[in-house]
PDB file of N, CA and C in Angstrom:
ATOM      1  N   MET A   1    -137.132 -25.353 143.405  1.00  0.00           N
ATOM      2  CA  MET A   1    -136.190 -24.269 143.313  1.00  0.00           C
ATOM      3  C   MET A   1    -135.380 -24.230 144.598  1.00  0.00           C
ATOM      4  N   THR A   2    -134.090 -23.972 144.463  1.00  0.00           N
ATOM      5  CA  THR A   2    -133.220 -23.870 145.633  1.00  0.00           C
ATOM      6  C   THR A   2    -133.095 -22.408 146.061  1.00  0.00           C
ATOM      7  N   ALA A   3    -132.549 -22.193 147.244  1.00  0.00           N
ATOM      8  CA  ALA A   3    -132.350 -20.837 147.747  1.00  0.00           C
ATOM      9  C   ALA A   3    -131.413 -20.049 146.827  1.00  0.00           C
ATOM     10  N   SER A   4    -130.368 -20.680 146.315  1.00  0.00           N
ATOM     11  CA  SER A   4    -129.453 -19.962 145.417  1.00  0.00           C
ATOM     12  C   SER A   4    -130.122 -19.651 144.082  1.00  0.00           C
ATOM     13  N   ASP A   5    -130.996 -20.560 143.604  1.00  0.00           N
ATOM     14  CA  ASP A   5    -131.766 -20.271 142.385  1.00  0.00           C
ATOM     15  C   ASP A   5    -132.669 -19.056 142.604  1.00  0.00           C
ATOM     16  N   LEU A   6    -133.299 -18.996 143.767  1.00  0.00           N
ATOM     17  CA  LEU A   6    -134.177 -17.880 144.090  1.00  0.00           C
ATOM     18  C   LEU A   6    -133.385 -16.581 144.165  1.00  0.00           C
ATOM     19  N   GLN A   7    -132.226 -16.629 144.799  1.00  0.00           N
ATOM     20  CA  GLN A   7    -131.395 -15.425 144.884  1.00  0.00           C
ATOM     21  C   GLN A   7    -130.971 -14.964 143.486  1.00  0.00           C
ATOM     22  N   ASP A   8    -130.613 -15.889 142.614  1.00  0.00           N
ATOM     23  CA  ASP A   8    -130.252 -15.541 141.237  1.00  0.00           C
ATOM     24  C   ASP A   8    -131.435 -14.919 140.501  1.00  0.00           C
ATOM     25  N   LEU A   9    -132.624 -15.485 140.685  1.00  0.00           N
ATOM     26  CA  LEU A   9    -133.826 -14.959 140.040  1.00  0.00           C
ATOM     27  C   LEU A   9    -134.145 -13.556 140.544  1.00  0.00           C
ATOM     28  N   LEU A  10    -134.072 -13.355 141.841  1.00  0.00           N
ATOM     29  CA  LEU A  10    -134.331 -12.039 142.416  1.00  0.00           C
ATOM     30  C   LEU A  10    -133.320 -11.016 141.906  1.00  0.00           C
ATOM     31  N   THR A  11    -132.050 -11.395 141.896  1.00  0.00           N
ATOM     32  CA  THR A  11    -130.990 -10.495 141.433  1.00  0.00           C
ATOM     33  C   THR A  11    -131.185 -10.125 139.969  1.00  0.00           C
ATOM     34  N   ALA A  12    -131.473 -11.112 139.135  1.00  0.00           N
ATOM     35  CA  ALA A  12    -131.674 -10.852 137.709  1.00  0.00           C
ATOM     36  C   ALA A  12    -132.890  -9.958 137.479  1.00  0.00           C
ATOM     37  N   THR A  13    -133.960 -10.193 138.214  1.00  0.00           N
ATOM     38  CA  THR A  13    -135.174  -9.396 138.061  1.00  0.00           C
ATOM     39  C   THR A  13    -134.930  -7.943 138.472  1.00  0.00           C
ATOM     40  N   LEU A  14    -134.262  -7.733 139.594  1.00  0.00           N
ATOM     41  CA  LEU A  14    -133.969  -6.378 140.049  1.00  0.00           C
ATOM     42  C   LEU A  14    -133.058  -5.649 139.065  1.00  0.00           C
ATOM     43  N   THR A  15    -132.062  -6.339 138.555  1.00  0.00           N
ATOM     44  CA  THR A  15    -131.140  -5.734 137.588  1.00  0.00           C
ATOM     45  C   THR A  15    -131.877  -5.343 136.317  1.00  0.00           C
ATOM     46  N   ARG A  16    -132.718  -6.235 135.841  1.00  0.00           N
ATOM     47  CA  ARG A  16    -133.470  -5.972 134.613  1.00  0.00           C
ATOM     48  C   ARG A  16    -134.467  -4.824 134.795  1.00  0.00           C
ATOM     49  N   GLN A  17    -135.174  -4.812 135.910  1.00  0.00           N
ATOM     50  CA  GLN A  17    -136.216  -3.816 136.119  1.00  0.00           C
ATOM     51  C   GLN A  17    -135.687  -2.452 136.544  1.00  0.00           C
ATOM     52  N   LEU A  18    -134.607  -2.451 137.328  1.00  0.00           N
ATOM     53  CA  LEU A  18    -134.168  -1.196 137.929  1.00  0.00           C
ATOM     54  C   LEU A  18    -132.761  -0.761 137.530  1.00  0.00           C
ATOM     55  N   GLY A  19    -132.044  -1.624 136.833  1.00  0.00           N
ATOM     56  CA  GLY A  19    -130.682  -1.277 136.448  1.00  0.00           C
ATOM     57  C   GLY A  19    -129.704  -1.547 137.576  1.00  0.00           C
ATOM     58  N   GLY A  20    -128.508  -1.054 137.415  1.00  0.00           N
ATOM     59  CA  GLY A  20    -127.471  -1.317 138.400  1.00  0.00           C
ATOM     60  C   GLY A  20    -126.779  -2.630 138.091  1.00  0.00           C
ATOM     61  N   SER A  21    -125.921  -3.035 138.985  1.00  0.00           N
ATOM     62  CA  SER A  21    -125.151  -4.260 138.754  1.00  0.00           C
ATOM     63  C   SER A  21    -125.743  -5.421 139.546  1.00  0.00           C
ATOM     64  N   ARG A  22    -125.529  -6.609 139.023  1.00  0.00           N
ATOM     65  CA  ARG A  22    -125.969  -7.821 139.729  1.00  0.00           C
ATOM     66  C   ARG A  22    -125.271  -7.913 141.082  1.00  0.00           C
ATOM     67  N   ARG A  23    -124.007  -7.507 141.125  1.00  0.00           N
ATOM     68  CA  ARG A  23    -123.248  -7.575 142.374  1.00  0.00           C
ATOM     69  C   ARG A  23    -123.894  -6.692 143.444  1.00  0.00           C
ATOM     70  N   ARG A  24    -124.294  -5.468 143.060  1.00  0.00           N
ATOM     71  CA  ARG A  24    -124.922  -4.563 144.030  1.00  0.00           C
ATOM     72  C   ARG A  24    -126.231  -5.140 144.547  1.00  0.00           C
ATOM     73  N   TRP A  25    -127.074  -5.652 143.649  1.00  0.00           N
ATOM     74  CA  TRP A  25    -128.354  -6.203 144.083  1.00  0.00           C
ATOM     75  C   TRP A  25    -128.166  -7.441 144.947  1.00  0.00           C
ATOM     76  N   LYS A  26    -127.156  -8.240 144.644  1.00  0.00           N
ATOM     77  CA  LYS A  26    -126.888  -9.421 145.472  1.00  0.00           C
ATOM     78  C   LYS A  26    -126.482  -8.995 146.881  1.00  0.00           C
ATOM     79  N   THR A  27    -125.713  -7.903 146.960  1.00  0.00           N
ATOM     80  CA  THR A  27    -125.317  -7.369 148.263  1.00  0.00           C
ATOM     81  C   THR A  27    -126.536  -6.826 149.014  1.00  0.00           C
ATOM     82  N   VAL A  28    -127.403  -6.117 148.324  1.00  0.00           N
ATOM     83  CA  VAL A  28    -128.617  -5.568 148.947  1.00  0.00           C
ATOM     84  C   VAL A  28    -129.507  -6.701 149.442  1.00  0.00           C
ATOM     85  N   LEU A  29    -129.655  -7.756 148.646  1.00  0.00           N
ATOM     86  CA  LEU A  29    -130.510  -8.885 149.030  1.00  0.00           C
ATOM     87  C   LEU A  29    -129.978  -9.632 150.246  1.00  0.00           C
ATOM     88  N   GLY A  30    -128.702  -9.909 150.240  1.00  0.00           N
ATOM     89  CA  GLY A  30    -128.145 -10.755 151.282  1.00  0.00           C
ATOM     90  C   GLY A  30    -128.521 -12.206 151.027  1.00  0.00           C
ATOM     91  N   ALA A  31    -128.346 -13.026 152.019  1.00  0.00           N
ATOM     92  CA  ALA A  31    -128.609 -14.463 151.888  1.00  0.00           C
ATOM     93  C   ALA A  31    -130.104 -14.758 151.985  1.00  0.00           C
ATOM     94  N   VAL A  32    -130.521 -15.796 151.285  1.00  0.00           N
ATOM     95  CA  VAL A  32    -131.886 -16.304 151.410  1.00  0.00           C
ATOM     96  C   VAL A  32    -131.863 -17.338 152.529  1.00  0.00           C
ATOM     97  N   ARG A  33    -132.628 -17.089 153.576  1.00  0.00           N
ATOM     98  CA  ARG A  33    -132.711 -18.038 154.691  1.00  0.00           C
ATOM     99  C   ARG A  33    -133.873 -18.989 154.455  1.00  0.00           C
ATOM    100  N   VAL A  34    -133.609 -20.267 154.647  1.00  0.00           N
ATOM    101  CA  VAL A  34    -134.625 -21.300 154.420  1.00  0.00           C
ATOM    102  C   VAL A  34    -135.002 -21.923 155.759  1.00  0.00           C
ATOM    103  N   TYR A  35    -136.300 -22.059 155.970  1.00  0.00           N
ATOM    104  CA  TYR A  35    -136.833 -22.630 157.206  1.00  0.00           C
ATOM    105  C   TYR A  35    -137.531 -23.950 156.903  1.00  0.00           C
ATOM    106  N   ASP A  36    -137.771 -24.712 157.924  1.00  0.00           N
ATOM    107  CA  ASP A  36    -138.451 -25.996 157.793  1.00  0.00           C
ATOM    108  C   ASP A  36    -139.904 -25.760 157.361  1.00  0.00           C
ATOM    109  N   PRO A  37    -140.347 -26.399 156.276  1.00  0.00           N
ATOM    110  CA  PRO A  37    -141.738 -26.223 155.831  1.00  0.00           C
ATOM    111  C   PRO A  37    -142.772 -26.666 156.877  1.00  0.00           C
ATOM    112  N   ALA A  38    -142.368 -27.526 157.811  1.00  0.00           N
ATOM    113  CA  ALA A  38    -143.296 -27.956 158.859  1.00  0.00           C
ATOM    114  C   ALA A  38    -143.665 -26.792 159.780  1.00  0.00           C
ATOM    115  N   THR A  39    -142.737 -25.866 159.990  1.00  0.00           N
ATOM    116  CA  THR A  39    -143.013 -24.720 160.854  1.00  0.00           C
ATOM    117  C   THR A  39    -143.375 -23.466 160.061  1.00  0.00           C
ATOM    118  N   HIS A  40    -143.098 -23.483 158.758  1.00  0.00           N
ATOM    119  CA  HIS A  40    -143.402 -22.350 157.876  1.00  0.00           C
ATOM    120  C   HIS A  40    -144.080 -22.883 156.612  1.00  0.00           C
ATOM    121  N   PRO A  41    -145.315 -23.373 156.733  1.00  0.00           N
ATOM    122  CA  PRO A  41    -145.952 -24.058 155.604  1.00  0.00           C
ATOM    123  C   PRO A  41    -146.354 -23.149 154.437  1.00  0.00           C
ATOM    124  N   HIS A  42    -146.522 -21.862 154.672  1.00  0.00           N
ATOM    125  CA  HIS A  42    -146.987 -20.981 153.594  1.00  0.00           C
ATOM    126  C   HIS A  42    -145.840 -20.354 152.807  1.00  0.00           C
ATOM    127  N   CYS A  43    -144.709 -20.156 153.459  1.00  0.00           N
ATOM    128  CA  CYS A  43    -143.520 -19.606 152.799  1.00  0.00           C
ATOM    129  C   CYS A  43    -142.334 -19.918 153.706  1.00  0.00           C
ATOM    130  N   ASN A  44    -141.408 -20.739 153.211  1.00  0.00           N
ATOM    131  CA  ASN A  44    -140.333 -21.205 154.074  1.00  0.00           C
ATOM    132  C   ASN A  44    -139.002 -20.489 153.858  1.00  0.00           C
ATOM    133  N   TRP A  45    -139.049 -19.286 153.316  1.00  0.00           N
ATOM    134  CA  TRP A  45    -137.807 -18.545 153.115  1.00  0.00           C
ATOM    135  C   TRP A  45    -138.002 -17.075 153.464  1.00  0.00           C
ATOM    136  N   SER A  46    -136.881 -16.410 153.721  1.00  0.00           N
ATOM    137  CA  SER A  46    -136.935 -14.971 153.976  1.00  0.00           C
ATOM    138  C   SER A  46    -135.630 -14.335 153.529  1.00  0.00           C
ATOM    139  N   VAL A  47    -135.710 -13.033 153.321  1.00  0.00           N
ATOM    140  CA  VAL A  47    -134.559 -12.217 152.954  1.00  0.00           C
ATOM    141  C   VAL A  47    -134.641 -10.960 153.801  1.00  0.00           C
ATOM    142  N   ALA A  48    -133.491 -10.484 154.276  1.00  0.00           N
ATOM    143  CA  ALA A  48    -133.432  -9.241 155.054  1.00  0.00           C
ATOM    144  C   ALA A  48    -132.575  -8.239 154.279  1.00  0.00           C
ATOM    145  N   PRO A  49    -133.194  -7.504 153.346  1.00  0.00           N
ATOM    146  CA  PRO A  49    -132.410  -6.598 152.506  1.00  0.00           C
ATOM    147  C   PRO A  49    -131.822  -5.436 153.301  1.00  0.00           C
ATOM    148  N   SER A  50    -130.683  -4.956 152.816  1.00  0.00           N
ATOM    149  CA  SER A  50    -130.073  -3.772 153.403  1.00  0.00           C
ATOM    150  C   SER A  50    -129.519  -2.919 152.270  1.00  0.00           C
ATOM    151  N   GLY A  51    -129.704  -1.645 152.375  1.00  0.00           N
ATOM    152  CA  GLY A  51    -129.258  -0.720 151.350  1.00  0.00           C
ATOM    153  C   GLY A  51    -129.990   0.587 151.542  1.00  0.00           C
ATOM    154  N   SER A  52    -130.115   1.359 150.485  1.00  0.00           N
ATOM    155  CA  SER A  52    -130.842   2.626 150.586  1.00  0.00           C
ATOM    156  C   SER A  52    -132.337   2.342 150.766  1.00  0.00           C
ATOM    157  N   VAL A  53    -133.060   3.367 151.169  1.00  0.00           N
ATOM    158  CA  VAL A  53    -134.505   3.231 151.354  1.00  0.00           C
ATOM    159  C   VAL A  53    -135.163   2.790 150.052  1.00  0.00           C
ATOM    160  N   ALA A  54    -134.752   3.366 148.941  1.00  0.00           N
ATOM    161  CA  ALA A  54    -135.332   3.011 147.636  1.00  0.00           C
ATOM    162  C   ALA A  54    -134.996   1.570 147.257  1.00  0.00           C
ATOM    163  N   GLU A  55    -133.776   1.142 147.523  1.00  0.00           N
ATOM    164  CA  GLU A  55    -133.382  -0.234 147.198  1.00  0.00           C
ATOM    165  C   GLU A  55    -134.176  -1.236 148.022  1.00  0.00           C
ATOM    166  N   VAL A  56    -134.284  -0.984 149.309  1.00  0.00           N
ATOM    167  CA  VAL A  56    -135.027  -1.903 150.187  1.00  0.00           C
ATOM    168  C   VAL A  56    -136.493  -1.949 149.782  1.00  0.00           C
ATOM    169  N   ALA A  57    -137.074  -0.813 149.447  1.00  0.00           N
ATOM    170  CA  ALA A  57    -138.476  -0.775 149.023  1.00  0.00           C
ATOM    171  C   ALA A  57    -138.675  -1.577 147.739  1.00  0.00           C
ATOM    172  N   ALA A  58    -137.747  -1.455 146.793  1.00  0.00           N
ATOM    173  CA  ALA A  58    -137.837  -2.212 145.545  1.00  0.00           C
ATOM    174  C   ALA A  58    -137.740  -3.710 145.811  1.00  0.00           C
ATOM    175  N   VAL A  59    -136.829  -4.090 146.694  1.00  0.00           N
ATOM    176  CA  VAL A  59    -136.674  -5.510 147.035  1.00  0.00           C
ATOM    177  C   VAL A  59    -137.944  -6.016 147.709  1.00  0.00           C
ATOM    178  N   GLU A  60    -138.490  -5.272 148.649  1.00  0.00           N
ATOM    179  CA  GLU A  60    -139.689  -5.713 149.365  1.00  0.00           C
ATOM    180  C   GLU A  60    -140.877  -5.896 148.421  1.00  0.00           C
ATOM    181  N   ARG A  61    -141.029  -5.007 147.442  1.00  0.00           N
ATOM    182  CA  ARG A  61    -142.110  -5.180 146.460  1.00  0.00           C
ATOM    183  C   ARG A  61    -141.933  -6.483 145.681  1.00  0.00           C
ATOM    184  N   LEU A  62    -140.705  -6.753 145.267  1.00  0.00           N
ATOM    185  CA  LEU A  62    -140.435  -7.986 144.525  1.00  0.00           C
ATOM    186  C   LEU A  62    -140.635  -9.208 145.416  1.00  0.00           C
ATOM    187  N   LEU A  63    -140.201  -9.134 146.664  1.00  0.00           N
ATOM    188  CA  LEU A  63    -140.359 -10.267 147.581  1.00  0.00           C
ATOM    189  C   LEU A  63    -141.832 -10.592 147.806  1.00  0.00           C
ATOM    190  N   ASP A  64    -142.675  -9.578 147.904  1.00  0.00           N
ATOM    191  CA  ASP A  64    -144.116  -9.823 148.074  1.00  0.00           C
ATOM    192  C   ASP A  64    -144.652 -10.647 146.909  1.00  0.00           C
ATOM    193  N   ARG A  65    -144.243 -10.297 145.697  1.00  0.00           N
ATOM    194  CA  ARG A  65    -144.693 -11.040 144.520  1.00  0.00           C
ATOM    195  C   ARG A  65    -144.112 -12.456 144.503  1.00  0.00           C
ATOM    196  N   MET A  66    -142.831 -12.578 144.810  1.00  0.00           N
ATOM    197  CA  MET A  66    -142.169 -13.882 144.737  1.00  0.00           C
ATOM    198  C   MET A  66    -142.657 -14.851 145.808  1.00  0.00           C
ATOM    199  N   ARG A  67    -143.086 -14.340 146.937  1.00  0.00           N
ATOM    200  CA  ARG A  67    -143.629 -15.238 147.975  1.00  0.00           C
ATOM    201  C   ARG A  67    -144.870 -15.961 147.471  1.00  0.00           C
ATOM    202  N   GLY A  68    -145.635 -15.306 146.636  1.00  0.00           N
ATOM    203  CA  GLY A  68    -146.803 -15.950 146.035  1.00  0.00           C
ATOM    204  C   GLY A  68    -146.437 -16.924 144.936  1.00  0.00           C
ATOM    205  N   GLU A  69    -145.383 -16.624 144.183  1.00  0.00           N
ATOM    206  CA  GLU A  69    -144.980 -17.457 143.063  1.00  0.00           C
ATOM    207  C   GLU A  69    -144.072 -18.632 143.453  1.00  0.00           C
ATOM    208  N   GLN A  70    -143.227 -18.427 144.431  1.00  0.00           N
ATOM    209  CA  GLN A  70    -142.265 -19.446 144.877  1.00  0.00           C
ATOM    210  C   GLN A  70    -142.280 -19.542 146.405  1.00  0.00           C
ATOM    211  N   PRO A  71    -143.360 -20.031 146.986  1.00  0.00           N
ATOM    212  CA  PRO A  71    -143.448 -20.011 148.445  1.00  0.00           C
ATOM    213  C   PRO A  71    -142.526 -21.014 149.154  1.00  0.00           C
ATOM    214  N   ILE A  72    -142.188 -22.096 148.487  1.00  0.00           N
ATOM    215  CA  ILE A  72    -141.364 -23.134 149.113  1.00  0.00           C
ATOM    216  C   ILE A  72    -140.097 -23.347 148.278  1.00  0.00           C
ATOM    217  N   VAL A  73    -138.940 -23.239 148.950  1.00  0.00           N
ATOM    218  CA  VAL A  73    -137.666 -23.517 148.289  1.00  0.00           C
ATOM    219  C   VAL A  73    -136.904 -24.526 149.140  1.00  0.00           C
ATOM    220  N   SER A  74    -135.899 -25.117 148.540  1.00  0.00           N
ATOM    221  CA  SER A  74    -135.060 -26.078 149.253  1.00  0.00           C
ATOM    222  C   SER A  74    -133.693 -25.450 149.537  1.00  0.00           C
ATOM    223  N   GLU A  75    -132.967 -26.044 150.446  1.00  0.00           N
ATOM    224  CA  GLU A  75    -131.607 -25.591 150.744  1.00  0.00           C
ATOM    225  C   GLU A  75    -130.754 -25.714 149.489  1.00  0.00           C
ATOM    226  N   GLY A  76    -129.741 -24.902 149.447  1.00  0.00           N
ATOM    227  CA  GLY A  76    -128.786 -25.050 148.337  1.00  0.00           C
ATOM    228  C   GLY A  76    -128.605 -23.833 147.527  1.00  0.00           C
TER     229      GLY A  76
END
């Protein structure tokens, strides 16, 4: 899975579960940053969400789950 695939999956999941627009959730998520798996072997990506307290909390809950399901992604 690529970083853009992950961002699309996160956006679609948030939209489906919580409503709102894909554009808003993509803005709340921001970019998916990918790190070298050699230095981050358990999970090589991160997201720094910004938005309301409720939006950030919803994103963080989803990110916790997704780190277990998709711990390694590639650039792109």
